[in-house]
C-alpha atoms as a PDB file:
ATOM      1  CA  UNK A   1     -59.149 -34.650 -36.424  1.00  0.00           C
ATOM      2  CA  UNK A   2     -60.332 -36.232 -39.667  1.00  0.00           C
ATOM      3  CA  UNK A   3     -63.463 -35.287 -41.590  1.00  0.00           C
ATOM      4  CA  UNK A   4     -65.067 -38.708 -41.298  1.00  0.00           C
ATOM      5  CA  UNK A   5     -63.348 -39.768 -38.083  1.00  0.00           C
ATOM      6  CA  UNK A   6     -66.698 -40.421 -36.396  1.00  0.00           C
ATOM      7  CA  UNK A   7     -67.318 -43.271 -38.867  1.00  0.00           C
ATOM      8  CA  UNK A   8     -63.809 -44.415 -39.757  1.00  0.00           C
ATOM      9  CA  UNK A   9     -61.452 -43.799 -36.802  1.00  0.00           C
ATOM     10  CA  UNK A  10     -58.458 -45.737 -38.140  1.00  0.00           C
ATOM     11  CA  UNK A  11     -56.825 -42.668 -39.665  1.00  0.00           C
ATOM     12  CA  UNK A  12     -57.226 -40.616 -36.476  1.00  0.00           C
ATOM     13  CA  UNK A  13     -55.736 -43.455 -34.438  1.00  0.00           C
ATOM     14  CA  UNK A  14     -52.739 -43.629 -36.778  1.00  0.00           C
ATOM     15  CA  UNK A  15     -52.175 -39.859 -36.511  1.00  0.00           C
ATOM     16  CA  UNK A  16     -52.530 -40.047 -32.719  1.00  0.00           C
ATOM     17  CA  UNK A  17     -49.889 -42.774 -32.541  1.00  0.00           C
ATOM     18  CA  UNK A  18     -47.461 -40.649 -34.552  1.00  0.00           C
ATOM     19  CA  UNK A  19     -48.133 -37.688 -32.231  1.00  0.00           C
ATOM     20  CA  UNK A  20     -47.344 -39.815 -29.170  1.00  0.00           C
ATOM     21  CA  UNK A  21     -44.137 -41.049 -30.771  1.00  0.00           C
ATOM     22  CA  UNK A  22     -43.150 -37.414 -31.338  1.00  0.00           C
ATOM     23  CA  UNK A  23     -43.521 -36.759 -27.606  1.00  0.00           C
ATOM     24  CA  UNK A  24     -46.982 -35.231 -27.232  1.00  0.00           C
ATOM     25  CA  UNK A  25     -48.271 -36.205 -23.775  1.00  0.00           C
ATOM     26  CA  UNK A  26     -51.879 -35.190 -24.488  1.00  0.00           C
ATOM     27  CA  UNK A  27     -53.531 -36.469 -27.653  1.00  0.00           C
ATOM     28  CA  UNK A  28     -57.296 -36.069 -28.115  1.00  0.00           C
ATOM     29  CA  UNK A  29     -58.999 -37.761 -31.062  1.00  0.00           C
ATOM     30  CA  UNK A  30     -62.360 -36.499 -32.226  1.00  0.00           C
ATOM     31  CA  UNK A  31     -64.014 -39.928 -32.496  1.00  0.00           C
ATOM     32  CA  UNK A  32     -63.256 -40.615 -28.825  1.00  0.00           C
ATOM     33  CA  UNK A  33     -64.121 -37.113 -27.654  1.00  0.00           C
ATOM     34  CA  UNK A  34     -67.433 -36.546 -29.434  1.00  0.00           C
ATOM     35  CA  UNK A  35     -68.871 -39.062 -31.888  1.00  0.00           C
ATOM     36  CA  UNK A  36     -70.723 -36.576 -34.079  1.00  0.00           C
ATOM     37  CA  UNK A  37     -71.098 -36.145 -37.829  1.00  0.00           C
ATOM     38  CA  UNK A  38     -70.898 -32.355 -37.478  1.00  0.00           C
ATOM     39  CA  UNK A  39     -67.262 -31.467 -38.172  1.00  0.00           C
ATOM     40  CA  UNK A  40     -67.167 -27.990 -36.550  1.00  0.00           C
ATOM     41  CA  UNK A  41     -68.833 -28.971 -33.263  1.00  0.00           C
ATOM     42  CA  UNK A  42     -66.773 -32.148 -33.054  1.00  0.00           C
ATOM     43  CA  UNK A  43     -63.645 -30.120 -33.691  1.00  0.00           C
ATOM     44  CA  UNK A  44     -64.482 -27.472 -31.061  1.00  0.00           C
ATOM     45  CA  UNK A  45     -65.129 -30.180 -28.488  1.00  0.00           C
ATOM     46  CA  UNK A  46     -61.866 -31.962 -29.293  1.00  0.00           C
ATOM     47  CA  UNK A  47     -59.810 -28.759 -29.096  1.00  0.00           C
ATOM     48  CA  UNK A  48     -61.364 -27.896 -25.716  1.00  0.00           C
ATOM     49  CA  UNK A  49     -60.580 -31.382 -24.427  1.00  0.00           C
ATOM     50  CA  UNK A  50     -56.976 -31.214 -25.649  1.00  0.00           C
ATOM     51  CA  UNK A  51     -56.512 -27.807 -24.000  1.00  0.00           C
ATOM     52  CA  UNK A  52     -58.090 -28.612 -20.628  1.00  0.00           C
ATOM     53  CA  UNK A  53     -57.115 -32.247 -20.025  1.00  0.00           C
ATOM     54  CA  UNK A  54     -53.380 -31.575 -19.311  1.00  0.00           C
ATOM     55  CA  UNK A  55     -54.348 -28.927 -16.748  1.00  0.00           C
ATOM     56  CA  UNK A  56     -56.741 -31.326 -15.053  1.00  0.00           C
ATOM     57  CA  UNK A  57     -54.178 -34.110 -15.117  1.00  0.00           C
ATOM     58  CA  UNK A  58     -51.638 -31.967 -13.251  1.00  0.00           C
ATOM     59  CA  UNK A  59     -54.297 -31.028 -10.709  1.00  0.00           C
ATOM     60  CA  UNK A  60     -55.357 -34.659 -10.189  1.00  0.00           C
ATOM     61  CA  UNK A  61     -51.739 -35.798  -9.838  1.00  0.00           C
ATOM     62  CA  UNK A  62     -51.188 -33.117  -7.205  1.00  0.00           C
ATOM     63  CA  UNK A  63     -54.172 -34.378  -5.238  1.00  0.00           C
ATOM     64  CA  UNK A  64     -52.940 -37.965  -5.488  1.00  0.00           C
ATOM     65  CA  UNK A  65     -49.600 -36.903  -4.031  1.00  0.00           C
ATOM     66  CA  UNK A  66     -51.274 -34.965  -1.217  1.00  0.00           C
ATOM     67  CA  UNK A  67     -53.767 -37.782  -0.492  1.00  0.00           C
ATOM     68  CA  UNK A  68     -51.909 -41.053  -1.142  1.00  0.00           C
ATOM     69  CA  UNK A  69     -54.028 -44.190  -1.165  1.00  0.00           C
ATOM     70  CA  UNK A  70     -57.359 -42.325  -1.103  1.00  0.00           C
ATOM     71  CA  UNK A  71     -59.763 -42.971  -4.025  1.00  0.00           C
ATOM     72  CA  UNK A  72     -60.639 -39.734  -5.821  1.00  0.00           C
ATOM     73  CA  UNK A  73     -63.873 -39.018  -7.678  1.00  0.00           C
ATOM     74  CA  UNK A  74     -64.753 -35.829  -9.545  1.00  0.00           C
ATOM     75  CA  UNK A  75     -67.979 -34.121 -10.512  1.00  0.00           C
ATOM     76  CA  UNK A  76     -68.648 -33.874 -14.245  1.00  0.00           C
ATOM     77  CA  UNK A  77     -70.651 -31.307 -16.218  1.00  0.00           C
ATOM     78  CA  UNK A  78     -73.499 -33.816 -16.530  1.00  0.00           C
ATOM     79  CA  UNK A  79     -73.891 -34.044 -12.753  1.00  0.00           C
ATOM     80  CA  UNK A  80     -72.370 -37.512 -12.424  1.00  0.00           C
ATOM     81  CA  UNK A  81     -69.206 -38.623 -10.653  1.00  0.00           C
ATOM     82  CA  UNK A  82     -66.195 -40.272 -12.289  1.00  0.00           C
ATOM     83  CA  UNK A  83     -62.975 -41.731 -10.916  1.00  0.00           C
ATOM     84  CA  UNK A  84     -59.768 -39.772 -11.382  1.00  0.00           C
ATOM     85  CA  UNK A  85     -58.224 -41.712 -14.335  1.00  0.00           C
ATOM     86  CA  UNK A  86     -61.337 -41.085 -16.489  1.00  0.00           C
ATOM     87  CA  UNK A  87     -61.765 -37.386 -15.642  1.00  0.00           C
ATOM     88  CA  UNK A  88     -61.381 -35.458 -18.922  1.00  0.00           C
ATOM     89  CA  UNK A  89     -61.372 -31.790 -19.830  1.00  0.00           C
ATOM     90  CA  UNK A  90     -64.449 -32.012 -22.052  1.00  0.00           C
ATOM     91  CA  UNK A  91     -66.517 -33.251 -19.096  1.00  0.00           C
ATOM     92  CA  UNK A  92     -65.244 -30.680 -16.583  1.00  0.00           C
ATOM     93  CA  UNK A  93     -66.232 -27.366 -18.160  1.00  0.00           C
ATOM     94  CA  UNK A  94     -69.389 -26.910 -16.048  1.00  0.00           C
ATOM     95  CA  UNK A  95     -68.546 -29.397 -13.304  1.00  0.00           C
ATOM     96  CA  UNK A  96     -68.648 -26.758 -10.548  1.00  0.00           C
ATOM     97  CA  UNK A  97     -72.084 -25.332 -11.441  1.00  0.00           C
ATOM     98  CA  UNK A  98     -73.349 -28.881 -12.039  1.00  0.00           C
ATOM     99  CA  UNK A  99     -72.440 -29.744  -8.452  1.00  0.00           C
ATOM    100  CA  UNK A 100     -74.478 -26.737  -7.333  1.00  0.00           C
ATOM    101  CA  UNK A 101     -77.500 -28.000  -9.271  1.00  0.00           C
ATOM    102  CA  UNK A 102     -77.241 -31.456  -7.712  1.00  0.00           C
ATOM    103  CA  UNK A 103     -76.846 -29.968  -4.230  1.00  0.00           C
ATOM    104  CA  UNK A 104     -79.814 -27.625  -4.673  1.00  0.00           C
ATOM    105  CA  UNK A 105     -81.990 -30.483  -5.918  1.00  0.00           C
ATOM    106  CA  UNK A 106     -81.101 -32.720  -2.976  1.00  0.00           C
ATOM    107  CA  UNK A 107     -81.805 -29.952  -0.452  1.00  0.00           C
ATOM    108  CA  UNK A 108     -85.101 -29.116  -2.157  1.00  0.00           C
ATOM    109  CA  UNK A 109     -86.299 -32.723  -2.106  1.00  0.00           C
ATOM    110  CA  UNK A 110     -85.424 -33.112   1.576  1.00  0.00           C
ATOM    111  CA  UNK A 111     -87.334 -29.914   2.311  1.00  0.00           C
ATOM    112  CA  UNK A 112     -90.390 -31.273   0.508  1.00  0.00           C
ATOM    113  CA  UNK A 113     -90.124 -29.026  -2.574  1.00  0.00           C
ATOM    114  CA  UNK A 114     -90.539 -30.720  -5.939  1.00  0.00           C
ATOM    115  CA  UNK A 115     -89.685 -27.691  -8.056  1.00  0.00           C
ATOM    116  CA  UNK A 116     -86.880 -25.226  -7.402  1.00  0.00           C
ATOM    117  CA  UNK A 117     -84.860 -22.529  -9.161  1.00  0.00           C
ATOM    118  CA  UNK A 118     -81.205 -22.614  -8.129  1.00  0.00           C
ATOM    119  CA  UNK A 119     -79.183 -19.380  -7.972  1.00  0.00           C
ATOM    120  CA  UNK A 120     -75.420 -19.870  -7.691  1.00  0.00           C
ATOM    121  CA  UNK A 121     -73.348 -16.660  -7.618  1.00  0.00           C
ATOM    122  CA  UNK A 122     -69.611 -17.018  -8.000  1.00  0.00           C
ATOM    123  CA  UNK A 123     -66.839 -14.483  -8.420  1.00  0.00           C
ATOM    124  CA  UNK A 124     -67.313 -13.576 -12.085  1.00  0.00           C
ATOM    125  CA  UNK A 125     -70.648 -15.118 -13.070  1.00  0.00           C
ATOM    126  CA  UNK A 126     -73.996 -16.309 -11.766  1.00  0.00           C
ATOM    127  CA  UNK A 127     -75.500 -19.673 -12.699  1.00  0.00           C
ATOM    128  CA  UNK A 128     -79.242 -20.226 -12.725  1.00  0.00           C
ATOM    129  CA  UNK A 129     -80.868 -23.638 -13.154  1.00  0.00           C
ATOM    130  CA  UNK A 130     -84.264 -25.313 -12.784  1.00  0.00           C
ATOM    131  CA  UNK A 131     -85.215 -28.607 -11.148  1.00  0.00           C
ATOM    132  CA  UNK A 132     -88.678 -30.129 -11.376  1.00  0.00           C
ATOM    133  CA  UNK A 133     -88.231 -33.728 -10.296  1.00  0.00           C
ATOM    134  CA  UNK A 134     -85.474 -34.618 -12.766  1.00  0.00           C
ATOM    135  CA  UNK A 135     -82.247 -33.064 -13.971  1.00  0.00           C
ATOM    136  CA  UNK A 136     -82.409 -31.144 -17.237  1.00  0.00           C
ATOM    137  CA  UNK A 137     -79.474 -31.671 -19.587  1.00  0.00           C
ATOM    138  CA  UNK A 138     -78.257 -30.354 -22.915  1.00  0.00           C
ATOM    139  CA  UNK A 139     -76.057 -32.156 -25.412  1.00  0.00           C
ATOM    140  CA  UNK A 140     -74.761 -29.033 -27.164  1.00  0.00           C
ATOM    141  CA  UNK A 141     -73.592 -25.985 -25.213  1.00  0.00           C
ATOM    142  CA  UNK A 142     -71.756 -22.855 -26.301  1.00  0.00           C
ATOM    143  CA  UNK A 143     -69.069 -21.850 -23.805  1.00  0.00           C
ATOM    144  CA  UNK A 144     -66.937 -18.753 -24.517  1.00  0.00           C
ATOM    145  CA  UNK A 145     -67.779 -19.017 -28.210  1.00  0.00           C
ATOM    146  CA  UNK A 146     -66.877 -22.712 -28.490  1.00  0.00           C
ATOM    147  CA  UNK A 147     -69.569 -25.302 -29.164  1.00  0.00           C
ATOM    148  CA  UNK A 148     -69.095 -28.208 -26.764  1.00  0.00           C
ATOM    149  CA  UNK A 149     -71.059 -31.349 -27.623  1.00  0.00           C
ATOM    150  CA  UNK A 150     -71.108 -33.479 -24.478  1.00  0.00           C
ATOM    151  CA  UNK A 151     -73.928 -33.982 -21.942  1.00  0.00           C
ATOM    152  CA  UNK A 152     -74.113 -31.017 -19.542  1.00  0.00           C
ATOM    153  CA  UNK A 153     -76.573 -29.742 -17.000  1.00  0.00           C
ATOM    154  CA  UNK A 154     -78.937 -27.151 -18.463  1.00  0.00           C
ATOM    155  CA  UNK A 155     -77.488 -24.068 -16.750  1.00  0.00           C
ATOM    156  CA  UNK A 156     -78.014 -20.445 -17.751  1.00  0.00           C
ATOM    157  CA  UNK A 157     -74.983 -18.287 -16.974  1.00  0.00           C
ATOM    158  CA  UNK A 158     -75.147 -14.516 -16.447  1.00  0.00           C
ATOM    159  CA  UNK A 159     -71.866 -12.584 -16.712  1.00  0.00           C
ATOM    160  CA  UNK A 160     -72.220 -10.909 -13.322  1.00  0.00           C
ATOM    161  CA  UNK A 161     -70.808 -12.356 -10.112  1.00  0.00           C
ATOM    162  CA  UNK A 162     -69.776 -11.089  -6.720  1.00  0.00           C
ATOM    163  CA  UNK A 163     -66.512  -9.686  -8.049  1.00  0.00           C
ATOM    164  CA  UNK A 164     -67.960  -8.062 -11.190  1.00  0.00           C
ATOM    165  CA  UNK A 165     -67.039  -4.374 -11.307  1.00  0.00           C
ATOM    166  CA  UNK A 166     -69.833  -1.777 -11.250  1.00  0.00           C
ATOM    167  CA  UNK A 167     -69.174   1.458 -13.133  1.00  0.00           C
ATOM    168  CA  UNK A 168     -70.824   4.383 -14.923  1.00  0.00           C
ATOM    169  CA  UNK A 169     -69.777   4.646 -18.570  1.00  0.00           C
ATOM    170  CA  UNK A 170     -71.152   8.166 -19.070  1.00  0.00           C
ATOM    171  CA  UNK A 171     -74.566   7.025 -20.240  1.00  0.00           C
ATOM    172  CA  UNK A 172     -75.615   4.175 -17.983  1.00  0.00           C
ATOM    173  CA  UNK A 173     -74.569   1.980 -15.102  1.00  0.00           C
ATOM    174  CA  UNK A 174     -72.775  -1.199 -16.157  1.00  0.00           C
ATOM    175  CA  UNK A 175     -71.828  -4.422 -14.374  1.00  0.00           C
ATOM    176  CA  UNK A 176     -68.885  -6.530 -15.606  1.00  0.00           C
ATOM    177  CA  UNK A 177     -67.538  -8.292 -17.501  1.00  0.00           C
ATOM    178  CA  UNK A 178     -64.363  -7.061 -15.763  1.00  0.00           C
ATOM    179  CA  UNK A 179     -63.813  -8.549 -12.315  1.00  0.00           C
ATOM    180  CA  UNK A 180     -61.953  -7.307  -9.239  1.00  0.00           C
ATOM    181  CA  UNK A 181     -60.685 -10.844  -8.625  1.00  0.00           C
ATOM    182  CA  UNK A 182     -59.623 -12.059  -5.194  1.00  0.00           C
ATOM    183  CA  UNK A 183     -56.946  -9.381  -4.825  1.00  0.00           C
ATOM    184  CA  UNK A 184     -57.636  -6.476  -4.513  1.00  0.00           C
ATOM    185  CA  UNK A 185     -61.243  -7.702  -4.656  1.00  0.00           C
ATOM    186  CA  UNK A 186     -64.297  -5.579  -3.813  1.00  0.00           C
ATOM    187  CA  UNK A 187     -64.118  -2.371  -1.760  1.00  0.00           C
ATOM    188  CA  UNK A 188     -65.378  -4.427   1.188  1.00  0.00           C
ATOM    189  CA  UNK A 189     -62.060  -6.338   1.218  1.00  0.00           C
ATOM    190  CA  UNK A 190     -60.310  -3.032   2.186  1.00  0.00           C
ATOM    191  CA  UNK A 191     -57.502  -3.527  -0.300  1.00  0.00           C
ATOM    192  CA  UNK A 192     -58.258  -0.552  -2.502  1.00  0.00           C
ATOM    193  CA  UNK A 193     -60.410  -2.469  -4.939  1.00  0.00           C
ATOM    194  CA  UNK A 194     -63.259  -1.096  -7.099  1.00  0.00           C
ATOM    195  CA  UNK A 195     -66.988  -1.180  -6.323  1.00  0.00           C
ATOM    196  CA  UNK A 196     -68.462  -4.555  -7.212  1.00  0.00           C
ATOM    197  CA  UNK A 197     -71.708  -6.499  -6.937  1.00  0.00           C
ATOM    198  CA  UNK A 198     -70.570  -7.706  -3.501  1.00  0.00           C
ATOM    199  CA  UNK A 199     -70.328  -4.099  -2.288  1.00  0.00           C
ATOM    200  CA  UNK A 200     -73.835  -3.395  -3.586  1.00  0.00           C
ATOM    201  CA  UNK A 201     -75.166  -6.403  -1.679  1.00  0.00           C
ATOM    202  CA  UNK A 202     -73.421  -5.197   1.495  1.00  0.00           C
ATOM    203  CA  UNK A 203     -74.919  -1.708   1.147  1.00  0.00           C
ATOM    204  CA  UNK A 204     -78.389  -3.195   0.540  1.00  0.00           C
ATOM    205  CA  UNK A 205     -78.125  -5.363   3.654  1.00  0.00           C
ATOM    206  CA  UNK A 206     -78.106  -8.670   1.757  1.00  0.00           C
ATOM    207  CA  UNK A 207     -74.617  -9.437   3.094  1.00  0.00           C
ATOM    208  CA  UNK A 208     -74.536  -8.410   6.797  1.00  0.00           C
ATOM    209  CA  UNK A 209     -70.906  -7.476   7.645  1.00  0.00           C
ATOM    210  CA  UNK A 210     -71.362  -8.524  11.284  1.00  0.00           C
ATOM    211  CA  UNK A 211     -71.591 -12.177  10.208  1.00  0.00           C
ATOM    212  CA  UNK A 212     -68.113 -12.125   8.641  1.00  0.00           C
ATOM    213  CA  UNK A 213     -64.686 -12.200  10.341  1.00  0.00           C
ATOM    214  CA  UNK A 214     -63.441  -8.793  11.419  1.00  0.00           C
ATOM    215  CA  UNK A 215     -60.286  -7.328   9.918  1.00  0.00           C
ATOM    216  CA  UNK A 216     -57.580  -7.867  12.556  1.00  0.00           C
ATOM    217  CA  UNK A 217     -55.900  -4.595  11.678  1.00  0.00           C
ATOM    218  CA  UNK A 218     -59.028  -2.487  11.802  1.00  0.00           C
ATOM    219  CA  UNK A 219     -62.497  -2.640  13.337  1.00  0.00           C
ATOM    220  CA  UNK A 220     -63.886  -0.030  10.944  1.00  0.00           C
ATOM    221  CA  UNK A 221     -67.225  -0.852   9.373  1.00  0.00           C
ATOM    222  CA  UNK A 222     -67.595  -0.962   5.630  1.00  0.00           C
ATOM    223  CA  UNK A 223     -68.475   2.307   3.938  1.00  0.00           C
ATOM    224  CA  UNK A 224     -68.563   3.535   0.357  1.00  0.00           C
ATOM    225  CA  UNK A 225     -68.037   7.145  -0.533  1.00  0.00           C
END
């Protein structure tokens, strides 16, 4: 990354060519990643893209091998779709939550609602978004301390998901940021895991156990304590 790469990209392109000749398979230049004057934000965005793009490329190549001849399109953080060759790390950071926003908006419109608040709880976090006839986007987002300057859906993330561990620290009850993960998972998984938000929702009746597959090794109902 060069200080004035946004205006004069020739030096960045020359450095990138040298890097490729040295054997680097992933080379991200700041002027192609985020055309901003701001050096720090442009740098953060470029580093994130360089870190994530190789991981995505391996994933996409695996899908191509499993689904030969089938065109692949991926959701981006801005809510739009892109074909596999143009799917980059910088545009995939909030692609999952963005898909939830688009889905919630489509369902709301079909149901006759013009304004809706979407609540999307995952394993380690919960994403909340708002739709009032058009998608709301931001062009600068801080993710895990890094400032990413690409168009993204305006999504507010709370660090508490279904797998977030609930505990008493001696003075108050706390939720997260530690997560039970998929294994052992919550107490309700019956693998010796800790109490999580999922267990609280089961106890409060928000997640009826009878609607989920029974454990083949045991027909015991879920209990805590």
